[in-house]
């Protein structure tokens, strides 16, 4: 009897334990499913929020292609005022019914300070030599210049310019006699002058620049050179945007300068 009661009690305990396990599994399964459902709902809500924000944002505005300002285009198309240049020079002189010439070289440059102001300078030196039966005479003439220029745009490719500069005109004479060395002589001298020029600079096509200027040269009192009107004409042919070939002629009353050189523009 006791064995039957014990068996019945053990069976009841087993049945109760199995019922509790089934109930526990039943309780755990819905909670896990609830957690998964809650996570899925949160993700769906987050996705809907991002979509709503994207829909609320205005569509991107396409910016038009930018172009260089008009004034910059004009500076590109018009004459340039920042450059350096060097080349060969020739000087023709007609003084006191005597015509002579000398050859040499020159170097000069210009720097744009603002859109309408620039500083410039240069140096020319030419010489001439005569040899006669042991006698040698050499004369060298040089010109140094520094000045300030202003430009006024008349059109995208044409400027009106005015230039004021100070010049130092120098000369050197050297005489040598092999038979009479006591007669050898050497000396130099210089004078100063002011020059005012007005003119036009134009760039009719991208690879060609032209200029023409006229003005007045006022010289210190001396016995050889007097005040004079001045004219200047020239051109630059650019075979690349930076490099060009320059030819120029400058006319005084009794003196003419001719220059042929290479210019680098910046």
C-alpha atoms as a PDB file:
ATOM      1  CA  UNK A   1       0.000   0.000   0.000  1.00  0.00           C
ATOM      2  CA  UNK A   2       2.780   2.350   0.959  1.00  0.00           C
ATOM      3  CA  UNK A   3       4.552   1.530  -2.295  1.00  0.00           C
ATOM      4  CA  UNK A   4       1.424   2.404  -4.254  1.00  0.00           C
ATOM      5  CA  UNK A   5       1.047   5.658  -2.395  1.00  0.00           C
ATOM      6  CA  UNK A   6       4.703   6.513  -3.028  1.00  0.00           C
ATOM      7  CA  UNK A   7       4.351   5.639  -6.698  1.00  0.00           C
ATOM      8  CA  UNK A   8       1.222   7.720  -6.939  1.00  0.00           C
ATOM      9  CA  UNK A   9       2.951  10.632  -5.226  1.00  0.00           C
ATOM     10  CA  UNK A  10       5.994  10.317  -7.518  1.00  0.00           C
ATOM     11  CA  UNK A  11       3.785  10.216 -10.567  1.00  0.00           C
ATOM     12  CA  UNK A  12       1.910  13.270  -9.379  1.00  0.00           C
ATOM     13  CA  UNK A  13       5.198  15.074  -8.794  1.00  0.00           C
ATOM     14  CA  UNK A  14       6.389  14.157 -12.278  1.00  0.00           C
ATOM     15  CA  UNK A  15       3.122  15.336 -13.796  1.00  0.00           C
ATOM     16  CA  UNK A  16       3.354  18.611 -11.824  1.00  0.00           C
ATOM     17  CA  UNK A  17       6.951  19.180 -12.906  1.00  0.00           C
ATOM     18  CA  UNK A  18       6.074  18.539 -16.548  1.00  0.00           C
ATOM     19  CA  UNK A  19       3.128  20.912 -16.285  1.00  0.00           C
ATOM     20  CA  UNK A  20       5.369  23.615 -14.735  1.00  0.00           C
ATOM     21  CA  UNK A  21       7.989  23.187 -17.487  1.00  0.00           C
ATOM     22  CA  UNK A  22       5.342  23.485 -20.187  1.00  0.00           C
ATOM     23  CA  UNK A  23       3.953  26.582 -18.492  1.00  0.00           C
ATOM     24  CA  UNK A  24       7.444  28.082 -18.183  1.00  0.00           C
ATOM     25  CA  UNK A  25       8.196  27.384 -21.817  1.00  0.00           C
ATOM     26  CA  UNK A  26       4.858  28.898 -22.737  1.00  0.00           C
ATOM     27  CA  UNK A  27       5.707  32.022 -20.710  1.00  0.00           C
ATOM     28  CA  UNK A  28       9.257  32.326 -22.112  1.00  0.00           C
ATOM     29  CA  UNK A  29       8.323  31.911 -25.766  1.00  0.00           C
ATOM     30  CA  UNK A  30       5.836  34.826 -25.885  1.00  0.00           C
ATOM     31  CA  UNK A  31       8.329  37.145 -24.048  1.00  0.00           C
ATOM     32  CA  UNK A  32      11.120  36.376 -26.522  1.00  0.00           C
ATOM     33  CA  UNK A  33       8.722  36.823 -29.363  1.00  0.00           C
ATOM     34  CA  UNK A  34       7.547  40.067 -27.788  1.00  0.00           C
ATOM     35  CA  UNK A  35      11.131  41.296 -27.576  1.00  0.00           C
ATOM     36  CA  UNK A  36      11.784  40.430 -31.205  1.00  0.00           C
ATOM     37  CA  UNK A  37       8.549  42.107 -32.226  1.00  0.00           C
ATOM     38  CA  UNK A  38       9.464  45.205 -30.184  1.00  0.00           C
ATOM     39  CA  UNK A  39      12.919  45.429 -31.813  1.00  0.00           C
ATOM     40  CA  UNK A  40      11.395  44.999 -35.263  1.00  0.00           C
ATOM     41  CA  UNK A  41       8.851  47.721 -34.512  1.00  0.00           C
ATOM     42  CA  UNK A  42      11.603  50.072 -33.277  1.00  0.00           C
ATOM     43  CA  UNK A  43      13.652  49.489 -36.413  1.00  0.00           C
ATOM     44  CA  UNK A  44      10.615  50.061 -38.587  1.00  0.00           C
ATOM     45  CA  UNK A  45       9.818  53.293 -36.725  1.00  0.00           C
ATOM     46  CA  UNK A  46      13.415  54.500 -37.128  1.00  0.00           C
ATOM     47  CA  UNK A  47      13.295  53.735 -40.849  1.00  0.00           C
ATOM     48  CA  UNK A  48      10.030  55.616 -41.187  1.00  0.00           C
ATOM     49  CA  UNK A  49      11.562  58.617 -39.362  1.00  0.00           C
ATOM     50  CA  UNK A  50      14.597  58.695 -41.691  1.00  0.00           C
ATOM     51  CA  UNK A  51      12.296  58.416 -44.699  1.00  0.00           C
ATOM     52  CA  UNK A  52      10.143  61.230 -43.365  1.00  0.00           C
ATOM     53  CA  UNK A  53      13.212  63.431 -42.808  1.00  0.00           C
ATOM     54  CA  UNK A  54      14.470  62.689 -46.313  1.00  0.00           C
ATOM     55  CA  UNK A  55      11.054  63.532 -47.735  1.00  0.00           C
ATOM     56  CA  UNK A  56      10.944  66.737 -45.695  1.00  0.00           C
ATOM     57  CA  UNK A  57      14.340  67.944 -46.924  1.00  0.00           C
ATOM     58  CA  UNK A  58      14.177  70.210 -49.968  1.00  0.00           C
ATOM     59  CA  UNK A  59      15.688  68.821 -53.154  1.00  0.00           C
ATOM     60  CA  UNK A  60      19.325  69.885 -53.782  1.00  0.00           C
ATOM     61  CA  UNK A  61      19.719  73.006 -55.876  1.00  0.00           C
ATOM     62  CA  UNK A  62      22.091  72.604 -58.784  1.00  0.00           C
ATOM     63  CA  UNK A  63      24.556  75.460 -58.881  1.00  0.00           C
ATOM     64  CA  UNK A  64      25.207  76.943 -62.314  1.00  0.00           C
ATOM     65  CA  UNK A  65      28.704  76.663 -63.696  1.00  0.00           C
ATOM     66  CA  UNK A  66      30.818  79.531 -62.407  1.00  0.00           C
ATOM     67  CA  UNK A  67      32.496  81.887 -64.813  1.00  0.00           C
ATOM     68  CA  UNK A  68      35.337  84.349 -64.313  1.00  0.00           C
ATOM     69  CA  UNK A  69      34.103  87.835 -63.371  1.00  0.00           C
ATOM     70  CA  UNK A  70      33.897  90.320 -66.205  1.00  0.00           C
ATOM     71  CA  UNK A  71      36.769  92.418 -64.884  1.00  0.00           C
ATOM     72  CA  UNK A  72      38.981  89.325 -64.696  1.00  0.00           C
ATOM     73  CA  UNK A  73      38.133  88.415 -68.283  1.00  0.00           C
ATOM     74  CA  UNK A  74      39.060  91.920 -69.314  1.00  0.00           C
ATOM     75  CA  UNK A  75      42.427  91.645 -67.603  1.00  0.00           C
ATOM     76  CA  UNK A  76      43.051  88.335 -69.343  1.00  0.00           C
ATOM     77  CA  UNK A  77      42.056  89.739 -72.727  1.00  0.00           C
ATOM     78  CA  UNK A  78      43.707  93.134 -72.308  1.00  0.00           C
ATOM     79  CA  UNK A  79      47.336  94.282 -72.115  1.00  0.00           C
ATOM     80  CA  UNK A  80      49.576  92.941 -69.361  1.00  0.00           C
ATOM     81  CA  UNK A  81      51.667  95.035 -66.962  1.00  0.00           C
ATOM     82  CA  UNK A  82      53.807  92.454 -65.145  1.00  0.00           C
ATOM     83  CA  UNK A  83      56.754  91.215 -67.204  1.00  0.00           C
ATOM     84  CA  UNK A  84      60.513  91.111 -67.637  1.00  0.00           C
ATOM     85  CA  UNK A  85      62.361  91.568 -70.926  1.00  0.00           C
ATOM     86  CA  UNK A  86      65.863  91.513 -72.378  1.00  0.00           C
ATOM     87  CA  UNK A  87      67.410  91.712 -75.818  1.00  0.00           C
ATOM     88  CA  UNK A  88      69.609  93.628 -78.235  1.00  0.00           C
ATOM     89  CA  UNK A  89      69.575  97.381 -78.785  1.00  0.00           C
ATOM     90  CA  UNK A  90      70.745  99.847 -81.410  1.00  0.00           C
ATOM     91  CA  UNK A  91      71.237 103.596 -81.087  1.00  0.00           C
ATOM     92  CA  UNK A  92      71.337 105.989 -84.045  1.00  0.00           C
ATOM     93  CA  UNK A  93      72.606 109.510 -83.394  1.00  0.00           C
ATOM     94  CA  UNK A  94      72.500 112.542 -85.702  1.00  0.00           C
ATOM     95  CA  UNK A  95      74.291 115.417 -84.014  1.00  0.00           C
ATOM     96  CA  UNK A  96      76.061 118.334 -85.670  1.00  0.00           C
ATOM     97  CA  UNK A  97      75.683 116.811 -89.147  1.00  0.00           C
ATOM     98  CA  UNK A  98      77.348 113.588 -87.991  1.00  0.00           C
ATOM     99  CA  UNK A  99      75.475 110.311 -88.178  1.00  0.00           C
ATOM    100  CA  UNK A 100      76.688 107.364 -86.133  1.00  0.00           C
ATOM    101  CA  UNK A 101      75.235 104.288 -84.534  1.00  0.00           C
ATOM    102  CA  UNK A 102      76.087 101.898 -81.721  1.00  0.00           C
ATOM    103  CA  UNK A 103      75.013  98.406 -80.779  1.00  0.00           C
ATOM    104  CA  UNK A 104      74.441  96.829 -77.387  1.00  0.00           C
ATOM    105  CA  UNK A 105      71.753  95.353 -75.210  1.00  0.00           C
ATOM    106  CA  UNK A 106      69.005  96.204 -72.761  1.00  0.00           C
ATOM    107  CA  UNK A 107      66.950  94.790 -69.908  1.00  0.00           C
ATOM    108  CA  UNK A 108      63.758  96.106 -68.357  1.00  0.00           C
ATOM    109  CA  UNK A 109      60.613  95.097 -66.515  1.00  0.00           C
ATOM    110  CA  UNK A 110      57.248  96.161 -65.172  1.00  0.00           C
ATOM    111  CA  UNK A 111      55.196  95.180 -62.120  1.00  0.00           C
ATOM    112  CA  UNK A 112      51.465  95.821 -61.656  1.00  0.00           C
ATOM    113  CA  UNK A 113      50.937  97.334 -58.190  1.00  0.00           C
ATOM    114  CA  UNK A 114      47.136  97.571 -58.500  1.00  0.00           C
ATOM    115  CA  UNK A 115      44.678  97.022 -61.318  1.00  0.00           C
ATOM    116  CA  UNK A 116      45.454 100.528 -62.604  1.00  0.00           C
ATOM    117  CA  UNK A 117      49.000 101.340 -61.406  1.00  0.00           C
ATOM    118  CA  UNK A 118      52.351  99.823 -62.315  1.00  0.00           C
ATOM    119  CA  UNK A 119      56.015 100.575 -61.802  1.00  0.00           C
ATOM    120  CA  UNK A 120      58.586 100.048 -64.526  1.00  0.00           C
ATOM    121  CA  UNK A 121      62.281 100.415 -65.162  1.00  0.00           C
ATOM    122  CA  UNK A 122      65.020  99.559 -67.591  1.00  0.00           C
ATOM    123  CA  UNK A 123      68.632  99.871 -68.620  1.00  0.00           C
ATOM    124  CA  UNK A 124      70.111 100.322 -72.131  1.00  0.00           C
ATOM    125  CA  UNK A 125      73.786 100.358 -73.071  1.00  0.00           C
ATOM    126  CA  UNK A 126      75.284 100.706 -76.535  1.00  0.00           C
ATOM    127  CA  UNK A 127      78.831 101.371 -77.689  1.00  0.00           C
ATOM    128  CA  UNK A 128      80.836 102.207 -80.783  1.00  0.00           C
ATOM    129  CA  UNK A 129      84.557 101.659 -81.443  1.00  0.00           C
ATOM    130  CA  UNK A 130      86.942 103.115 -84.021  1.00  0.00           C
ATOM    131  CA  UNK A 131      90.434 101.765 -84.778  1.00  0.00           C
ATOM    132  CA  UNK A 132      92.887 103.869 -86.857  1.00  0.00           C
ATOM    133  CA  UNK A 133      96.616 102.986 -87.175  1.00  0.00           C
ATOM    134  CA  UNK A 134      97.303 102.248 -83.548  1.00  0.00           C
ATOM    135  CA  UNK A 135      94.642 104.577 -82.202  1.00  0.00           C
ATOM    136  CA  UNK A 136      91.442 103.303 -80.653  1.00  0.00           C
ATOM    137  CA  UNK A 137      88.402 105.339 -79.632  1.00  0.00           C
ATOM    138  CA  UNK A 138      85.401 103.843 -77.900  1.00  0.00           C
ATOM    139  CA  UNK A 139      82.245 105.668 -76.857  1.00  0.00           C
ATOM    140  CA  UNK A 140      79.554 104.012 -74.728  1.00  0.00           C
ATOM    141  CA  UNK A 141      76.147 105.512 -73.986  1.00  0.00           C
ATOM    142  CA  UNK A 142      73.781 104.182 -71.363  1.00  0.00           C
ATOM    143  CA  UNK A 143      70.299 105.039 -70.218  1.00  0.00           C
ATOM    144  CA  UNK A 144      68.683 104.005 -66.915  1.00  0.00           C
ATOM    145  CA  UNK A 145      64.990 104.655 -66.289  1.00  0.00           C
ATOM    146  CA  UNK A 146      62.523 104.171 -63.458  1.00  0.00           C
ATOM    147  CA  UNK A 147      58.949 105.351 -63.420  1.00  0.00           C
ATOM    148  CA  UNK A 148      55.300 105.020 -62.470  1.00  0.00           C
ATOM    149  CA  UNK A 149      52.481 104.328 -64.901  1.00  0.00           C
ATOM    150  CA  UNK A 150      48.689 104.434 -64.761  1.00  0.00           C
ATOM    151  CA  UNK A 151      46.199 102.687 -67.032  1.00  0.00           C
ATOM    152  CA  UNK A 152      42.563 103.481 -67.798  1.00  0.00           C
ATOM    153  CA  UNK A 153      40.461 100.830 -69.504  1.00  0.00           C
ATOM    154  CA  UNK A 154      38.817 102.087 -72.692  1.00  0.00           C
ATOM    155  CA  UNK A 155      37.523  98.638 -73.692  1.00  0.00           C
ATOM    156  CA  UNK A 156      38.208  95.027 -72.671  1.00  0.00           C
ATOM    157  CA  UNK A 157      41.254  95.000 -74.986  1.00  0.00           C
ATOM    158  CA  UNK A 158      42.431  98.639 -74.978  1.00  0.00           C
ATOM    159  CA  UNK A 159      43.936 100.868 -72.258  1.00  0.00           C
ATOM    160  CA  UNK A 160      44.867 104.523 -72.161  1.00  0.00           C
ATOM    161  CA  UNK A 161      48.185 104.898 -70.316  1.00  0.00           C
ATOM    162  CA  UNK A 162      50.222 107.710 -68.789  1.00  0.00           C
ATOM    163  CA  UNK A 163      53.813 107.308 -67.613  1.00  0.00           C
ATOM    164  CA  UNK A 164      56.113 109.588 -65.640  1.00  0.00           C
ATOM    165  CA  UNK A 165      59.736 108.546 -65.280  1.00  0.00           C
ATOM    166  CA  UNK A 166      63.211 109.711 -64.273  1.00  0.00           C
ATOM    167  CA  UNK A 167      66.139 108.985 -66.606  1.00  0.00           C
ATOM    168  CA  UNK A 168      69.865 108.953 -66.044  1.00  0.00           C
ATOM    169  CA  UNK A 169      71.753 109.445 -69.324  1.00  0.00           C
ATOM    170  CA  UNK A 170      75.427 108.571 -69.192  1.00  0.00           C
ATOM    171  CA  UNK A 171      78.367 108.556 -71.602  1.00  0.00           C
ATOM    172  CA  UNK A 172      81.882 107.147 -71.427  1.00  0.00           C
ATOM    173  CA  UNK A 173      84.788 107.965 -73.707  1.00  0.00           C
ATOM    174  CA  UNK A 174      87.965 105.913 -73.874  1.00  0.00           C
ATOM    175  CA  UNK A 175      90.913 106.871 -76.133  1.00  0.00           C
ATOM    176  CA  UNK A 176      94.115 104.841 -76.512  1.00  0.00           C
ATOM    177  CA  UNK A 177      97.208 105.571 -78.629  1.00  0.00           C
ATOM    178  CA  UNK A 178      99.919 102.909 -78.797  1.00  0.00           C
ATOM    179  CA  UNK A 179     102.568 105.263 -80.181  1.00  0.00           C
ATOM    180  CA  UNK A 180     101.855 108.086 -77.740  1.00  0.00           C
ATOM    181  CA  UNK A 181     100.464 106.514 -74.567  1.00  0.00           C
ATOM    182  CA  UNK A 182     100.804 109.850 -72.786  1.00  0.00           C
ATOM    183  CA  UNK A 183      97.831 110.996 -74.863  1.00  0.00           C
ATOM    184  CA  UNK A 184      95.547 108.274 -73.542  1.00  0.00           C
ATOM    185  CA  UNK A 185      92.314 109.631 -72.175  1.00  0.00           C
ATOM    186  CA  UNK A 186      89.301 108.201 -70.392  1.00  0.00           C
ATOM    187  CA  UNK A 187      86.323 109.967 -68.901  1.00  0.00           C
ATOM    188  CA  UNK A 188      82.632 109.651 -68.167  1.00  0.00           C
ATOM    189  CA  UNK A 189      79.732 111.973 -67.421  1.00  0.00           C
ATOM    190  CA  UNK A 190      75.971 111.811 -66.945  1.00  0.00           C
ATOM    191  CA  UNK A 191      72.897 113.969 -66.668  1.00  0.00           C
ATOM    192  CA  UNK A 192      69.305 113.529 -65.528  1.00  0.00           C
ATOM    193  CA  UNK A 193      66.038 113.983 -67.361  1.00  0.00           C
ATOM    194  CA  UNK A 194      62.324 113.682 -66.718  1.00  0.00           C
ATOM    195  CA  UNK A 195      59.952 112.094 -69.210  1.00  0.00           C
ATOM    196  CA  UNK A 196      56.174 112.209 -69.507  1.00  0.00           C
ATOM    197  CA  UNK A 197      54.422 109.857 -71.939  1.00  0.00           C
ATOM    198  CA  UNK A 198      50.772 109.410 -72.921  1.00  0.00           C
ATOM    199  CA  UNK A 199      49.530 106.659 -75.182  1.00  0.00           C
ATOM    200  CA  UNK A 200      47.463 103.606 -76.000  1.00  0.00           C
ATOM    201  CA  UNK A 201      48.111  99.922 -75.336  1.00  0.00           C
ATOM    202  CA  UNK A 202      45.910  97.397 -77.107  1.00  0.00           C
ATOM    203  CA  UNK A 203      45.626  93.639 -77.502  1.00  0.00           C
ATOM    204  CA  UNK A 204      43.475  93.187 -80.627  1.00  0.00           C
ATOM    205  CA  UNK A 205      44.011  89.406 -80.635  1.00  0.00           C
ATOM    206  CA  UNK A 206      45.256  87.132 -77.809  1.00  0.00           C
ATOM    207  CA  UNK A 207      48.770  86.702 -79.232  1.00  0.00           C
ATOM    208  CA  UNK A 208      49.428  90.299 -80.355  1.00  0.00           C
ATOM    209  CA  UNK A 209      49.927  93.441 -78.268  1.00  0.00           C
ATOM    210  CA  UNK A 210      50.499  96.938 -79.703  1.00  0.00           C
ATOM    211  CA  UNK A 211      51.367 100.296 -78.164  1.00  0.00           C
ATOM    212  CA  UNK A 212      51.989 103.865 -79.258  1.00  0.00           C
ATOM    213  CA  UNK A 213      53.090 106.685 -76.954  1.00  0.00           C
ATOM    214  CA  UNK A 214      54.081 110.316 -77.291  1.00  0.00           C
ATOM    215  CA  UNK A 215      55.499 112.744 -74.781  1.00  0.00           C
ATOM    216  CA  UNK A 216      58.190 115.175 -73.756  1.00  0.00           C
ATOM    217  CA  UNK A 217      61.731 114.810 -72.385  1.00  0.00           C
ATOM    218  CA  UNK A 218      63.112 117.587 -70.203  1.00  0.00           C
ATOM    219  CA  UNK A 219      66.880 117.420 -69.723  1.00  0.00           C
ATOM    220  CA  UNK A 220      69.244 119.107 -67.288  1.00  0.00           C
ATOM    221  CA  UNK A 221      71.093 122.047 -68.766  1.00  0.00           C
ATOM    222  CA  UNK A 222      74.103 120.815 -70.762  1.00  0.00           C
ATOM    223  CA  UNK A 223      76.001 121.532 -73.946  1.00  0.00           C
ATOM    224  CA  UNK A 224      75.091 118.429 -75.984  1.00  0.00           C
ATOM    225  CA  UNK A 225      71.491 117.314 -75.411  1.00  0.00           C
ATOM    226  CA  UNK A 226      68.454 119.587 -75.309  1.00  0.00           C
ATOM    227  CA  UNK A 227      64.812 119.133 -74.381  1.00  0.00           C
ATOM    228  CA  UNK A 228      62.998 116.992 -76.910  1.00  0.00           C
ATOM    229  CA  UNK A 229      59.681 115.544 -77.978  1.00  0.00           C
ATOM    230  CA  UNK A 230      59.529 111.745 -77.671  1.00  0.00           C
ATOM    231  CA  UNK A 231      57.662 109.072 -79.606  1.00  0.00           C
ATOM    232  CA  UNK A 232      57.488 105.346 -78.957  1.00  0.00           C
ATOM    233  CA  UNK A 233      55.871 102.530 -80.941  1.00  0.00           C
ATOM    234  CA  UNK A 234      56.139  98.795 -80.398  1.00  0.00           C
ATOM    235  CA  UNK A 235      54.547  95.386 -80.568  1.00  0.00           C
ATOM    236  CA  UNK A 236      54.728  92.011 -78.849  1.00  0.00           C
ATOM    237  CA  UNK A 237      53.945  88.723 -80.548  1.00  0.00           C
ATOM    238  CA  UNK A 238      53.190  85.987 -78.013  1.00  0.00           C
ATOM    239  CA  UNK A 239      54.100  82.523 -79.203  1.00  0.00           C
ATOM    240  CA  UNK A 240      52.921  81.141 -75.810  1.00  0.00           C
ATOM    241  CA  UNK A 241      50.755  82.779 -73.107  1.00  0.00           C
ATOM    242  CA  UNK A 242      53.936  83.595 -71.119  1.00  0.00           C
ATOM    243  CA  UNK A 243      56.637  84.186 -73.757  1.00  0.00           C
ATOM    244  CA  UNK A 244      56.689  86.734 -76.537  1.00  0.00           C
ATOM    245  CA  UNK A 245      58.942  88.474 -79.049  1.00  0.00           C
ATOM    246  CA  UNK A 246      59.116  92.271 -78.702  1.00  0.00           C
ATOM    247  CA  UNK A 247      60.151  94.971 -81.163  1.00  0.00           C
ATOM    248  CA  UNK A 248      60.200  98.676 -80.264  1.00  0.00           C
ATOM    249  CA  UNK A 249      61.416 102.010 -81.604  1.00  0.00           C
ATOM    250  CA  UNK A 250      61.836 105.179 -79.551  1.00  0.00           C
ATOM    251  CA  UNK A 251      62.426 108.541 -81.227  1.00  0.00           C
ATOM    252  CA  UNK A 252      63.963 111.730 -79.872  1.00  0.00           C
ATOM    253  CA  UNK A 253      64.868 114.756 -81.981  1.00  0.00           C
ATOM    254  CA  UNK A 254      68.432 113.614 -82.668  1.00  0.00           C
ATOM    255  CA  UNK A 255      68.484 110.108 -81.192  1.00  0.00           C
ATOM    256  CA  UNK A 256      66.658 106.883 -82.020  1.00  0.00           C
ATOM    257  CA  UNK A 257      66.586 103.702 -79.950  1.00  0.00           C
ATOM    258  CA  UNK A 258      65.668 100.350 -81.491  1.00  0.00           C
ATOM    259  CA  UNK A 259      65.071  97.259 -79.360  1.00  0.00           C
ATOM    260  CA  UNK A 260      64.450  93.611 -80.175  1.00  0.00           C
ATOM    261  CA  UNK A 261      64.007  91.180 -77.302  1.00  0.00           C
ATOM    262  CA  UNK A 262      62.166  88.403 -75.550  1.00  0.00           C
ATOM    263  CA  UNK A 263      59.543  89.093 -72.892  1.00  0.00           C
ATOM    264  CA  UNK A 264      58.232  86.821 -70.142  1.00  0.00           C
ATOM    265  CA  UNK A 265      54.783  87.854 -68.849  1.00  0.00           C
ATOM    266  CA  UNK A 266      53.344  86.881 -65.468  1.00  0.00           C
END
